[in-house]
């Protein structure tokens, strides 16, 4: 089983997180940030990665530390669960429609962390959630998971739909990229013979 558990405790947040890359998308999410919980639930469900995430943060200040630190911990957990990455598909890309919105996501489990995020929001908030935190989560996740991640919203107007298309797009790409390729089971999908740097 490709599983991992991460504990991250700072003066700003206390996070307990577990993932199972070979799960069914079961999620238990509690961060204290309703919209973020919704996005993380979508991420688990559509990637079919089981996620158990409990976070307590300094929400009396704002949501930034909680969102960023969950991204850090989730990235670390995915990287740990991948182990030596033998047999993984590695690459995945897709276009994710959400009503009037279309977002393109491409992902490489390369060991070389990089984020290209070309998504704009016309409003500063979705309810109480700062839309700029969507990028913060993706940045924290990509760097700590060791993945190259490109996210570009090609068009869209509704901020909720735009955010949702980004998270669902990541989910589908991540689920496909971590999947074991039956034709390459036991092989590291790299001409270098290793992934991770």
N, C-alpha and C. Protein backbone atom coordinates (compact mmCIF):
# COMPACT_ATOMS: atom_id res chain seq x y z
N UNK A 1 0.84 -1.20 0.00
CA UNK A 1 0.00 0.00 0.00
C UNK A 1 0.88 1.25 0.00
N UNK A 2 0.56 2.19 -0.87
CA UNK A 2 1.32 3.44 -0.93
C UNK A 2 0.62 4.47 -0.05
N UNK A 3 1.05 4.51 1.20
CA UNK A 3 0.42 5.38 2.18
C UNK A 3 1.48 6.23 2.87
N UNK A 4 1.03 7.31 3.49
CA UNK A 4 1.92 8.15 4.27
C UNK A 4 1.11 8.97 5.25
N UNK A 5 1.74 9.31 6.37
CA UNK A 5 1.13 10.19 7.37
C UNK A 5 2.12 11.29 7.71
N UNK A 6 1.61 12.49 7.85
CA UNK A 6 2.44 13.66 8.14
C UNK A 6 1.84 14.40 9.32
N UNK A 7 2.70 14.83 10.22
CA UNK A 7 2.30 15.72 11.31
C UNK A 7 3.12 17.00 11.16
N UNK A 8 2.44 18.13 11.16
CA UNK A 8 3.12 19.42 11.04
C UNK A 8 2.57 20.34 12.12
N UNK A 9 3.43 20.71 13.07
CA UNK A 9 3.00 21.58 14.16
C UNK A 9 3.93 22.79 14.23
N UNK A 10 3.34 23.96 14.11
CA UNK A 10 4.08 25.22 14.23
C UNK A 10 3.30 26.14 15.16
N UNK A 11 3.78 27.34 15.35
CA UNK A 11 3.05 28.31 16.16
C UNK A 11 1.78 28.78 15.44
N UNK A 12 1.70 28.51 14.14
CA UNK A 12 0.57 28.98 13.33
C UNK A 12 -0.47 27.91 13.05
N UNK A 13 -0.01 26.66 12.92
CA UNK A 13 -0.93 25.58 12.57
C UNK A 13 -0.53 24.27 13.24
N UNK A 14 -1.52 23.38 13.36
CA UNK A 14 -1.29 22.01 13.84
C UNK A 14 -2.05 21.10 12.88
N UNK A 15 -1.31 20.29 12.13
CA UNK A 15 -1.91 19.51 11.05
C UNK A 15 -1.58 18.03 11.21
N UNK A 16 -2.59 17.19 11.08
CA UNK A 16 -2.44 15.74 11.03
C UNK A 16 -3.06 15.29 9.71
N UNK A 17 -2.28 14.60 8.91
CA UNK A 17 -2.72 14.30 7.55
C UNK A 17 -2.25 12.91 7.14
N UNK A 18 -3.11 12.17 6.47
CA UNK A 18 -2.75 10.84 5.96
C UNK A 18 -3.33 10.67 4.56
N UNK A 19 -2.59 9.96 3.70
CA UNK A 19 -3.05 9.69 2.34
C UNK A 19 -2.84 8.22 2.00
N UNK A 20 -3.68 7.72 1.11
CA UNK A 20 -3.54 6.40 0.53
C UNK A 20 -3.71 6.56 -0.98
N UNK A 21 -2.61 6.46 -1.71
CA UNK A 21 -2.65 6.68 -3.16
C UNK A 21 -3.47 5.62 -3.88
N UNK A 22 -3.69 4.48 -3.25
CA UNK A 22 -4.42 3.38 -3.87
C UNK A 22 -5.82 3.24 -3.27
N UNK A 23 -6.39 4.36 -2.89
CA UNK A 23 -7.69 4.35 -2.25
C UNK A 23 -8.84 4.47 -3.23
N UNK A 24 -9.96 4.98 -2.72
CA UNK A 24 -11.17 5.13 -3.52
C UNK A 24 -11.69 6.57 -3.54
N UNK A 25 -10.92 7.47 -2.91
CA UNK A 25 -11.34 8.86 -2.85
C UNK A 25 -12.08 9.21 -1.58
N UNK A 26 -11.99 8.34 -0.59
CA UNK A 26 -12.63 8.60 0.70
C UNK A 26 -11.93 9.78 1.38
N UNK A 27 -12.72 10.70 1.93
CA UNK A 27 -12.12 11.89 2.54
C UNK A 27 -12.76 12.21 3.87
N UNK A 28 -11.91 12.53 4.84
CA UNK A 28 -12.35 13.11 6.10
C UNK A 28 -11.55 14.40 6.24
N UNK A 29 -12.22 15.52 6.07
CA UNK A 29 -11.54 16.82 5.99
C UNK A 29 -12.10 17.77 7.04
N UNK A 30 -11.22 18.38 7.83
CA UNK A 30 -11.64 19.39 8.79
C UNK A 30 -10.51 20.39 8.99
N UNK A 31 -10.61 21.53 8.31
CA UNK A 31 -9.59 22.57 8.44
C UNK A 31 -10.12 23.82 9.13
N UNK A 32 -11.42 23.91 9.32
CA UNK A 32 -12.01 25.11 9.86
C UNK A 32 -12.32 26.16 8.82
N UNK A 33 -12.00 25.85 7.56
CA UNK A 33 -12.25 26.77 6.45
C UNK A 33 -13.20 26.06 5.48
N UNK A 34 -14.47 26.42 5.50
CA UNK A 34 -15.49 25.68 4.78
C UNK A 34 -15.22 25.50 3.30
N UNK A 35 -14.91 26.58 2.60
CA UNK A 35 -14.69 26.47 1.16
C UNK A 35 -13.48 25.59 0.86
N UNK A 36 -12.41 25.73 1.67
CA UNK A 36 -11.21 24.93 1.48
C UNK A 36 -11.51 23.45 1.72
N UNK A 37 -12.31 23.15 2.74
CA UNK A 37 -12.73 21.76 2.97
C UNK A 37 -13.43 21.19 1.74
N UNK A 38 -14.27 22.01 1.13
CA UNK A 38 -14.99 21.60 -0.07
C UNK A 38 -14.01 21.28 -1.20
N UNK A 39 -13.01 22.13 -1.39
CA UNK A 39 -12.03 21.91 -2.45
C UNK A 39 -11.18 20.66 -2.18
N UNK A 40 -10.80 20.44 -0.93
CA UNK A 40 -10.01 19.26 -0.58
C UNK A 40 -10.82 17.98 -0.74
N UNK A 41 -12.12 18.05 -0.43
CA UNK A 41 -12.99 16.90 -0.64
C UNK A 41 -13.07 16.54 -2.12
N UNK A 42 -13.17 17.58 -2.97
CA UNK A 42 -13.16 17.35 -4.42
C UNK A 42 -11.84 16.75 -4.87
N UNK A 43 -10.75 17.25 -4.29
CA UNK A 43 -9.42 16.74 -4.65
C UNK A 43 -9.30 15.25 -4.35
N UNK A 44 -9.76 14.85 -3.18
CA UNK A 44 -9.72 13.44 -2.82
C UNK A 44 -10.63 12.61 -3.71
N UNK A 45 -11.87 13.06 -3.83
CA UNK A 45 -12.87 12.30 -4.57
C UNK A 45 -12.46 12.05 -6.02
N UNK A 46 -11.98 13.09 -6.69
CA UNK A 46 -11.71 12.97 -8.13
C UNK A 46 -10.33 12.41 -8.44
N UNK A 47 -9.44 12.40 -7.45
CA UNK A 47 -8.14 11.73 -7.65
C UNK A 47 -8.21 10.27 -7.24
N UNK A 48 -9.24 9.92 -6.46
CA UNK A 48 -9.38 8.60 -5.85
C UNK A 48 -8.24 8.30 -4.89
N UNK A 49 -7.69 9.37 -4.31
CA UNK A 49 -6.70 9.24 -3.25
C UNK A 49 -7.41 9.47 -1.92
N UNK A 50 -7.35 8.50 -1.02
CA UNK A 50 -7.95 8.68 0.30
C UNK A 50 -7.18 9.75 1.05
N UNK A 51 -7.89 10.67 1.69
CA UNK A 51 -7.26 11.73 2.45
C UNK A 51 -7.96 11.91 3.79
N UNK A 52 -7.15 11.96 4.83
CA UNK A 52 -7.64 12.27 6.18
C UNK A 52 -6.87 13.50 6.62
N UNK A 53 -7.54 14.64 6.70
CA UNK A 53 -6.87 15.91 6.98
C UNK A 53 -7.57 16.61 8.14
N UNK A 54 -6.81 16.84 9.21
CA UNK A 54 -7.31 17.61 10.35
C UNK A 54 -6.33 18.75 10.59
N UNK A 55 -6.81 19.98 10.52
CA UNK A 55 -5.94 21.14 10.70
C UNK A 55 -6.58 22.14 11.64
N UNK A 56 -5.76 22.65 12.53
CA UNK A 56 -6.16 23.76 13.39
C UNK A 56 -5.16 24.88 13.15
N UNK A 57 -5.69 26.04 12.76
CA UNK A 57 -4.80 27.15 12.44
C UNK A 57 -5.24 28.44 13.08
N UNK A 58 -4.43 29.47 12.88
CA UNK A 58 -4.72 30.78 13.45
C UNK A 58 -5.73 31.53 12.58
N UNK A 59 -6.93 30.97 12.53
CA UNK A 59 -7.98 31.53 11.66
C UNK A 59 -8.45 32.90 12.12
N UNK A 60 -8.14 33.26 13.37
CA UNK A 60 -8.50 34.59 13.85
C UNK A 60 -7.66 35.66 13.15
N UNK A 61 -6.53 35.25 12.55
CA UNK A 61 -5.71 36.19 11.76
C UNK A 61 -6.22 36.20 10.33
N UNK A 62 -6.12 35.07 9.66
CA UNK A 62 -6.73 34.85 8.35
C UNK A 62 -6.56 33.38 8.00
N UNK A 63 -6.88 33.00 6.77
CA UNK A 63 -6.83 31.59 6.38
C UNK A 63 -5.49 31.19 5.75
N UNK A 64 -4.60 32.16 5.56
CA UNK A 64 -3.38 31.93 4.78
C UNK A 64 -2.54 30.78 5.33
N UNK A 65 -2.19 30.84 6.61
CA UNK A 65 -1.30 29.83 7.17
C UNK A 65 -1.90 28.43 7.09
N UNK A 66 -3.18 28.32 7.34
CA UNK A 66 -3.84 27.01 7.29
C UNK A 66 -3.81 26.44 5.88
N UNK A 67 -4.18 27.24 4.90
CA UNK A 67 -4.21 26.76 3.51
C UNK A 67 -2.81 26.39 3.03
N UNK A 68 -1.85 27.26 3.28
CA UNK A 68 -0.48 26.98 2.83
C UNK A 68 0.10 25.76 3.51
N UNK A 69 -0.09 25.64 4.83
CA UNK A 69 0.50 24.53 5.56
C UNK A 69 -0.15 23.19 5.22
N UNK A 70 -1.44 23.20 4.93
CA UNK A 70 -2.07 21.96 4.44
C UNK A 70 -1.47 21.58 3.09
N UNK A 71 -1.24 22.56 2.23
CA UNK A 71 -0.58 22.28 0.95
C UNK A 71 0.80 21.67 1.14
N UNK A 72 1.55 22.22 2.09
CA UNK A 72 2.89 21.69 2.39
C UNK A 72 2.79 20.23 2.86
N UNK A 73 1.92 19.99 3.84
CA UNK A 73 1.80 18.65 4.41
C UNK A 73 1.27 17.64 3.39
N UNK A 74 0.30 18.06 2.57
CA UNK A 74 -0.23 17.15 1.56
C UNK A 74 0.83 16.81 0.52
N UNK A 75 1.59 17.81 0.11
CA UNK A 75 2.68 17.55 -0.83
C UNK A 75 3.70 16.58 -0.25
N UNK A 76 4.08 16.77 0.99
CA UNK A 76 5.03 15.88 1.65
C UNK A 76 4.49 14.46 1.74
N UNK A 77 3.21 14.34 2.05
CA UNK A 77 2.60 13.02 2.18
C UNK A 77 2.57 12.28 0.84
N UNK A 78 2.19 13.00 -0.23
CA UNK A 78 2.15 12.37 -1.55
C UNK A 78 3.55 11.93 -1.96
N UNK A 79 4.53 12.78 -1.74
CA UNK A 79 5.91 12.43 -2.10
C UNK A 79 6.38 11.20 -1.32
N UNK A 80 6.09 11.17 -0.03
CA UNK A 80 6.48 10.03 0.80
C UNK A 80 5.78 8.75 0.35
N UNK A 81 4.49 8.85 0.05
CA UNK A 81 3.72 7.67 -0.35
C UNK A 81 4.18 7.11 -1.69
N UNK A 82 4.74 7.94 -2.54
CA UNK A 82 5.21 7.48 -3.85
C UNK A 82 6.46 6.61 -3.76
N UNK A 83 7.18 6.70 -2.65
CA UNK A 83 8.37 5.87 -2.47
C UNK A 83 9.38 6.10 -3.57
N UNK A 84 9.87 5.02 -4.19
CA UNK A 84 10.87 5.15 -5.25
C UNK A 84 10.23 5.39 -6.63
N UNK A 85 8.91 5.48 -6.65
CA UNK A 85 8.14 5.84 -7.85
C UNK A 85 8.16 4.80 -8.95
N UNK A 86 8.53 3.59 -8.61
CA UNK A 86 8.56 2.53 -9.63
C UNK A 86 7.15 2.26 -10.14
N UNK A 87 7.03 2.17 -11.45
CA UNK A 87 5.78 1.78 -12.09
C UNK A 87 4.75 2.87 -12.28
N UNK A 88 5.02 4.08 -11.77
CA UNK A 88 4.01 5.13 -11.89
C UNK A 88 3.90 5.61 -13.34
N UNK A 89 2.75 6.14 -13.67
CA UNK A 89 2.52 6.68 -15.01
C UNK A 89 3.34 7.95 -15.22
N UNK A 90 3.55 8.73 -14.19
CA UNK A 90 4.37 9.94 -14.10
C UNK A 90 3.73 11.18 -14.69
N UNK A 91 3.32 11.15 -15.96
CA UNK A 91 2.77 12.33 -16.63
C UNK A 91 1.26 12.24 -16.74
N UNK A 92 0.60 13.39 -16.66
CA UNK A 92 -0.83 13.44 -16.95
C UNK A 92 -1.22 14.88 -17.28
N UNK A 93 -2.18 15.02 -18.17
CA UNK A 93 -2.70 16.34 -18.49
C UNK A 93 -4.14 16.20 -18.96
N UNK A 94 -4.91 17.28 -18.76
CA UNK A 94 -6.30 17.26 -19.19
C UNK A 94 -6.86 18.67 -19.19
N UNK A 95 -8.00 18.80 -19.83
CA UNK A 95 -8.81 20.01 -19.77
C UNK A 95 -10.02 19.69 -18.89
N UNK A 96 -10.27 20.54 -17.89
CA UNK A 96 -11.36 20.29 -16.96
C UNK A 96 -12.43 21.37 -17.12
N UNK A 97 -13.61 21.01 -17.62
CA UNK A 97 -14.70 21.98 -17.74
C UNK A 97 -15.50 22.06 -16.45
N UNK A 98 -15.91 23.26 -16.11
CA UNK A 98 -16.83 23.47 -14.98
C UNK A 98 -17.78 24.57 -15.42
N UNK A 99 -18.91 24.17 -15.97
CA UNK A 99 -19.88 25.11 -16.53
C UNK A 99 -19.20 26.01 -17.56
N UNK A 100 -19.14 27.33 -17.31
CA UNK A 100 -18.59 28.26 -18.30
C UNK A 100 -17.06 28.32 -18.26
N UNK A 101 -16.46 27.60 -17.35
CA UNK A 101 -15.01 27.67 -17.11
C UNK A 101 -14.31 26.46 -17.71
N UNK A 102 -13.10 26.69 -18.24
CA UNK A 102 -12.27 25.60 -18.73
C UNK A 102 -10.84 25.82 -18.24
N UNK A 103 -10.31 24.82 -17.54
CA UNK A 103 -8.95 24.90 -17.00
C UNK A 103 -8.13 23.73 -17.51
N UNK A 104 -6.90 24.05 -17.91
CA UNK A 104 -5.96 23.02 -18.37
C UNK A 104 -4.94 22.76 -17.25
N UNK A 105 -4.73 21.48 -16.94
CA UNK A 105 -3.76 21.09 -15.92
C UNK A 105 -2.83 20.04 -16.51
N UNK A 106 -1.53 20.25 -16.33
CA UNK A 106 -0.52 19.27 -16.75
C UNK A 106 0.43 19.03 -15.59
N UNK A 107 0.79 17.78 -15.37
CA UNK A 107 1.58 17.41 -14.20
C UNK A 107 2.63 16.39 -14.56
N UNK A 108 3.83 16.58 -13.99
CA UNK A 108 4.93 15.63 -14.15
C UNK A 108 5.48 15.34 -12.77
N UNK A 109 5.43 14.09 -12.35
CA UNK A 109 6.04 13.69 -11.08
C UNK A 109 7.52 13.50 -11.35
N UNK A 110 8.23 14.60 -11.32
CA UNK A 110 9.60 14.65 -11.81
C UNK A 110 10.65 14.69 -10.71
N UNK A 111 10.25 15.10 -9.50
CA UNK A 111 11.24 15.38 -8.48
C UNK A 111 11.81 16.78 -8.62
N UNK A 112 11.38 17.51 -9.64
CA UNK A 112 11.82 18.88 -9.87
C UNK A 112 10.62 19.80 -9.68
N UNK A 113 10.46 20.36 -8.50
CA UNK A 113 9.26 21.15 -8.20
C UNK A 113 9.21 22.46 -8.96
N UNK A 114 8.06 22.72 -9.58
CA UNK A 114 7.87 23.97 -10.31
C UNK A 114 6.38 24.17 -10.50
N UNK A 115 5.94 25.41 -10.37
CA UNK A 115 4.54 25.73 -10.60
C UNK A 115 4.43 26.86 -11.61
N UNK A 116 3.61 26.64 -12.63
CA UNK A 116 3.14 27.71 -13.50
C UNK A 116 1.65 27.81 -13.26
N UNK A 117 1.20 28.96 -12.78
CA UNK A 117 -0.20 29.14 -12.40
C UNK A 117 -0.74 30.36 -13.13
N UNK A 118 -1.51 30.13 -14.17
CA UNK A 118 -2.08 31.22 -14.96
C UNK A 118 -3.60 31.21 -14.83
N UNK A 119 -4.02 31.61 -13.67
CA UNK A 119 -5.44 31.66 -13.35
C UNK A 119 -5.72 32.98 -12.63
N UNK A 120 -6.69 33.71 -13.12
CA UNK A 120 -7.05 35.00 -12.52
C UNK A 120 -8.48 34.95 -12.01
N UNK A 121 -8.69 35.65 -10.92
CA UNK A 121 -10.02 35.78 -10.33
C UNK A 121 -10.44 37.24 -10.39
N UNK A 122 -11.66 37.47 -10.80
CA UNK A 122 -12.16 38.84 -10.91
C UNK A 122 -12.57 39.41 -9.56
N UNK A 123 -12.70 38.53 -8.57
CA UNK A 123 -13.08 38.98 -7.23
C UNK A 123 -12.03 38.52 -6.23
N UNK A 124 -11.96 39.21 -5.10
CA UNK A 124 -10.94 38.91 -4.09
C UNK A 124 -11.35 37.77 -3.18
N UNK A 125 -12.65 37.49 -3.08
CA UNK A 125 -13.11 36.47 -2.14
C UNK A 125 -14.22 35.60 -2.73
N UNK A 126 -14.25 34.36 -2.28
CA UNK A 126 -15.37 33.46 -2.49
C UNK A 126 -15.94 33.23 -1.10
N UNK A 127 -17.03 33.89 -0.78
CA UNK A 127 -17.49 33.90 0.61
C UNK A 127 -16.45 34.61 1.45
N UNK A 128 -15.89 33.91 2.44
CA UNK A 128 -14.84 34.47 3.28
C UNK A 128 -13.45 34.04 2.83
N UNK A 129 -13.38 33.23 1.79
CA UNK A 129 -12.11 32.64 1.33
C UNK A 129 -11.43 33.57 0.33
N UNK A 130 -10.17 33.93 0.59
CA UNK A 130 -9.40 34.78 -0.32
C UNK A 130 -9.01 33.98 -1.56
N UNK A 131 -9.39 34.46 -2.73
CA UNK A 131 -9.10 33.72 -3.96
C UNK A 131 -7.59 33.58 -4.22
N UNK A 132 -6.78 34.50 -3.71
CA UNK A 132 -5.33 34.39 -3.90
C UNK A 132 -4.76 33.16 -3.21
N UNK A 133 -5.51 32.58 -2.27
CA UNK A 133 -5.03 31.40 -1.56
C UNK A 133 -5.08 30.14 -2.42
N UNK A 134 -5.82 30.17 -3.51
CA UNK A 134 -5.81 29.02 -4.41
C UNK A 134 -4.39 28.79 -4.93
N UNK A 135 -3.77 29.87 -5.40
CA UNK A 135 -2.38 29.76 -5.88
C UNK A 135 -1.45 29.35 -4.75
N UNK A 136 -1.63 29.89 -3.56
CA UNK A 136 -0.77 29.55 -2.43
C UNK A 136 -0.80 28.06 -2.14
N UNK A 137 -1.99 27.46 -2.20
CA UNK A 137 -2.10 26.02 -1.99
C UNK A 137 -1.35 25.25 -3.07
N UNK A 138 -1.58 25.62 -4.32
CA UNK A 138 -0.94 24.91 -5.43
C UNK A 138 0.58 25.03 -5.36
N UNK A 139 1.06 26.21 -5.00
CA UNK A 139 2.51 26.42 -4.85
C UNK A 139 3.08 25.52 -3.76
N UNK A 140 2.45 25.53 -2.60
CA UNK A 140 2.93 24.72 -1.48
C UNK A 140 2.90 23.24 -1.82
N UNK A 141 1.83 22.81 -2.47
CA UNK A 141 1.71 21.40 -2.84
C UNK A 141 2.79 21.00 -3.84
N UNK A 142 2.93 21.76 -4.92
CA UNK A 142 3.89 21.40 -5.98
C UNK A 142 5.31 21.32 -5.45
N UNK A 143 5.72 22.32 -4.66
CA UNK A 143 7.09 22.35 -4.15
C UNK A 143 7.36 21.16 -3.24
N UNK A 144 6.41 20.85 -2.38
CA UNK A 144 6.64 19.78 -1.40
C UNK A 144 6.38 18.38 -1.93
N UNK A 145 5.56 18.27 -2.98
CA UNK A 145 5.37 16.97 -3.62
C UNK A 145 6.49 16.67 -4.60
N UNK A 146 7.25 17.70 -4.99
CA UNK A 146 8.32 17.51 -5.97
C UNK A 146 7.79 17.29 -7.36
N UNK A 147 6.73 18.01 -7.72
CA UNK A 147 6.13 17.84 -9.04
C UNK A 147 6.23 19.13 -9.85
N UNK A 148 6.27 18.97 -11.15
CA UNK A 148 6.12 20.09 -12.06
C UNK A 148 4.64 20.19 -12.38
N UNK A 149 4.05 21.36 -12.13
CA UNK A 149 2.60 21.52 -12.24
C UNK A 149 2.27 22.79 -13.00
N UNK A 150 1.51 22.64 -14.06
CA UNK A 150 1.04 23.78 -14.85
C UNK A 150 -0.48 23.85 -14.75
N UNK A 151 -0.99 25.00 -14.37
CA UNK A 151 -2.43 25.22 -14.24
C UNK A 151 -2.77 26.50 -14.98
N UNK A 152 -3.68 26.40 -15.94
CA UNK A 152 -4.06 27.59 -16.70
C UNK A 152 -5.56 27.57 -16.96
N UNK A 153 -6.25 28.58 -16.46
CA UNK A 153 -7.67 28.71 -16.76
C UNK A 153 -7.80 29.45 -18.09
N UNK A 154 -8.33 28.76 -19.08
CA UNK A 154 -8.41 29.32 -20.43
C UNK A 154 -9.51 30.36 -20.53
N UNK A 155 -10.61 30.11 -19.81
CA UNK A 155 -11.68 31.10 -19.73
C UNK A 155 -12.62 30.72 -18.60
N UNK A 156 -13.37 31.70 -18.14
CA UNK A 156 -14.32 31.49 -17.05
C UNK A 156 -14.62 32.81 -16.37
N UNK A 157 -15.77 32.89 -15.72
CA UNK A 157 -16.16 34.14 -15.06
C UNK A 157 -16.51 33.95 -13.59
N UNK A 158 -17.07 32.82 -13.23
CA UNK A 158 -17.51 32.58 -11.86
C UNK A 158 -16.34 32.09 -11.01
N UNK A 159 -16.01 32.82 -9.96
CA UNK A 159 -14.82 32.50 -9.15
C UNK A 159 -14.89 31.11 -8.53
N UNK A 160 -16.07 30.72 -8.06
CA UNK A 160 -16.23 29.38 -7.48
C UNK A 160 -15.94 28.31 -8.54
N UNK A 161 -16.46 28.50 -9.73
CA UNK A 161 -16.23 27.53 -10.80
C UNK A 161 -14.76 27.49 -11.19
N UNK A 162 -14.11 28.64 -11.22
CA UNK A 162 -12.69 28.68 -11.58
C UNK A 162 -11.86 27.91 -10.55
N UNK A 163 -12.08 28.19 -9.27
CA UNK A 163 -11.34 27.47 -8.22
C UNK A 163 -11.62 25.97 -8.29
N UNK A 164 -12.87 25.63 -8.47
CA UNK A 164 -13.25 24.22 -8.51
C UNK A 164 -12.62 23.51 -9.71
N UNK A 165 -12.56 24.18 -10.85
CA UNK A 165 -11.94 23.56 -12.02
C UNK A 165 -10.45 23.33 -11.80
N UNK A 166 -9.80 24.22 -11.06
CA UNK A 166 -8.37 24.04 -10.75
C UNK A 166 -8.17 22.83 -9.85
N UNK A 167 -8.96 22.73 -8.79
CA UNK A 167 -8.81 21.61 -7.85
C UNK A 167 -9.20 20.28 -8.49
N UNK A 168 -10.29 20.27 -9.25
CA UNK A 168 -10.69 19.03 -9.92
C UNK A 168 -9.68 18.64 -10.99
N UNK A 169 -9.13 19.64 -11.68
CA UNK A 169 -8.10 19.36 -12.68
C UNK A 169 -6.86 18.75 -12.05
N UNK A 170 -6.43 19.32 -10.92
CA UNK A 170 -5.30 18.74 -10.19
C UNK A 170 -5.63 17.32 -9.76
N UNK A 171 -6.83 17.12 -9.27
CA UNK A 171 -7.24 15.79 -8.82
C UNK A 171 -7.12 14.75 -9.93
N UNK A 172 -7.70 15.06 -11.07
CA UNK A 172 -7.70 14.09 -12.17
C UNK A 172 -6.28 13.83 -12.69
N UNK A 173 -5.48 14.90 -12.80
CA UNK A 173 -4.11 14.73 -13.28
C UNK A 173 -3.27 13.96 -12.26
N UNK A 174 -3.42 14.30 -11.00
CA UNK A 174 -2.64 13.62 -9.96
C UNK A 174 -3.01 12.14 -9.88
N UNK A 175 -4.30 11.87 -9.90
CA UNK A 175 -4.73 10.47 -9.86
C UNK A 175 -4.18 9.65 -11.01
N UNK A 176 -4.16 10.25 -12.20
CA UNK A 176 -3.63 9.55 -13.38
C UNK A 176 -2.12 9.38 -13.30
N UNK A 177 -1.43 10.40 -12.81
CA UNK A 177 0.04 10.36 -12.79
C UNK A 177 0.59 9.40 -11.73
N UNK A 178 -0.09 9.27 -10.59
CA UNK A 178 0.40 8.36 -9.55
C UNK A 178 -0.01 6.91 -9.81
N UNK A 179 -0.94 6.70 -10.75
CA UNK A 179 -1.42 5.35 -11.04
C UNK A 179 -0.28 4.46 -11.55
N UNK A 180 -0.34 3.21 -11.18
CA UNK A 180 0.64 2.25 -11.67
C UNK A 180 0.31 1.87 -13.11
N UNK A 181 1.31 1.97 -13.97
CA UNK A 181 1.17 1.60 -15.38
C UNK A 181 1.48 0.10 -15.49
N UNK A 182 0.48 -0.73 -15.79
CA UNK A 182 0.71 -2.18 -15.83
C UNK A 182 1.82 -2.59 -16.81
N UNK A 183 2.00 -1.81 -17.87
CA UNK A 183 3.02 -2.15 -18.86
C UNK A 183 4.43 -1.83 -18.37
N UNK A 184 4.52 -1.03 -17.30
CA UNK A 184 5.84 -0.61 -16.82
C UNK A 184 6.02 -0.88 -15.33
N UNK A 185 5.29 -1.85 -14.81
CA UNK A 185 5.36 -2.16 -13.38
C UNK A 185 6.80 -2.50 -12.99
N UNK A 186 7.26 -1.89 -11.92
CA UNK A 186 8.62 -2.15 -11.44
C UNK A 186 9.68 -1.28 -12.08
N UNK A 187 9.31 -0.53 -13.11
CA UNK A 187 10.28 0.33 -13.78
C UNK A 187 10.15 1.77 -13.26
N UNK A 188 11.27 2.46 -13.18
CA UNK A 188 11.24 3.88 -12.88
C UNK A 188 11.09 4.61 -14.20
N UNK A 189 10.05 5.43 -14.37
CA UNK A 189 9.79 6.05 -15.67
C UNK A 189 10.70 7.25 -15.93
N UNK A 190 11.99 6.95 -16.09
CA UNK A 190 12.99 7.98 -16.37
C UNK A 190 14.19 7.35 -17.04
N UNK A 191 14.75 8.03 -18.03
CA UNK A 191 15.95 7.53 -18.67
C UNK A 191 17.16 7.61 -17.75
N UNK A 192 17.04 8.42 -16.68
CA UNK A 192 18.12 8.52 -15.68
C UNK A 192 18.18 7.27 -14.78
N UNK A 193 17.04 6.58 -14.71
CA UNK A 193 16.97 5.43 -13.82
C UNK A 193 16.47 5.77 -12.43
N UNK A 194 16.22 7.06 -12.19
CA UNK A 194 15.67 7.47 -10.89
C UNK A 194 14.91 8.78 -11.05
N UNK A 195 13.98 8.99 -10.14
CA UNK A 195 13.25 10.25 -10.07
C UNK A 195 13.48 10.82 -8.68
N UNK A 196 13.31 12.11 -8.59
CA UNK A 196 13.43 12.73 -7.27
C UNK A 196 14.48 13.82 -7.22
N UNK A 197 15.06 14.19 -8.36
CA UNK A 197 16.02 15.28 -8.34
C UNK A 197 16.92 15.27 -9.54
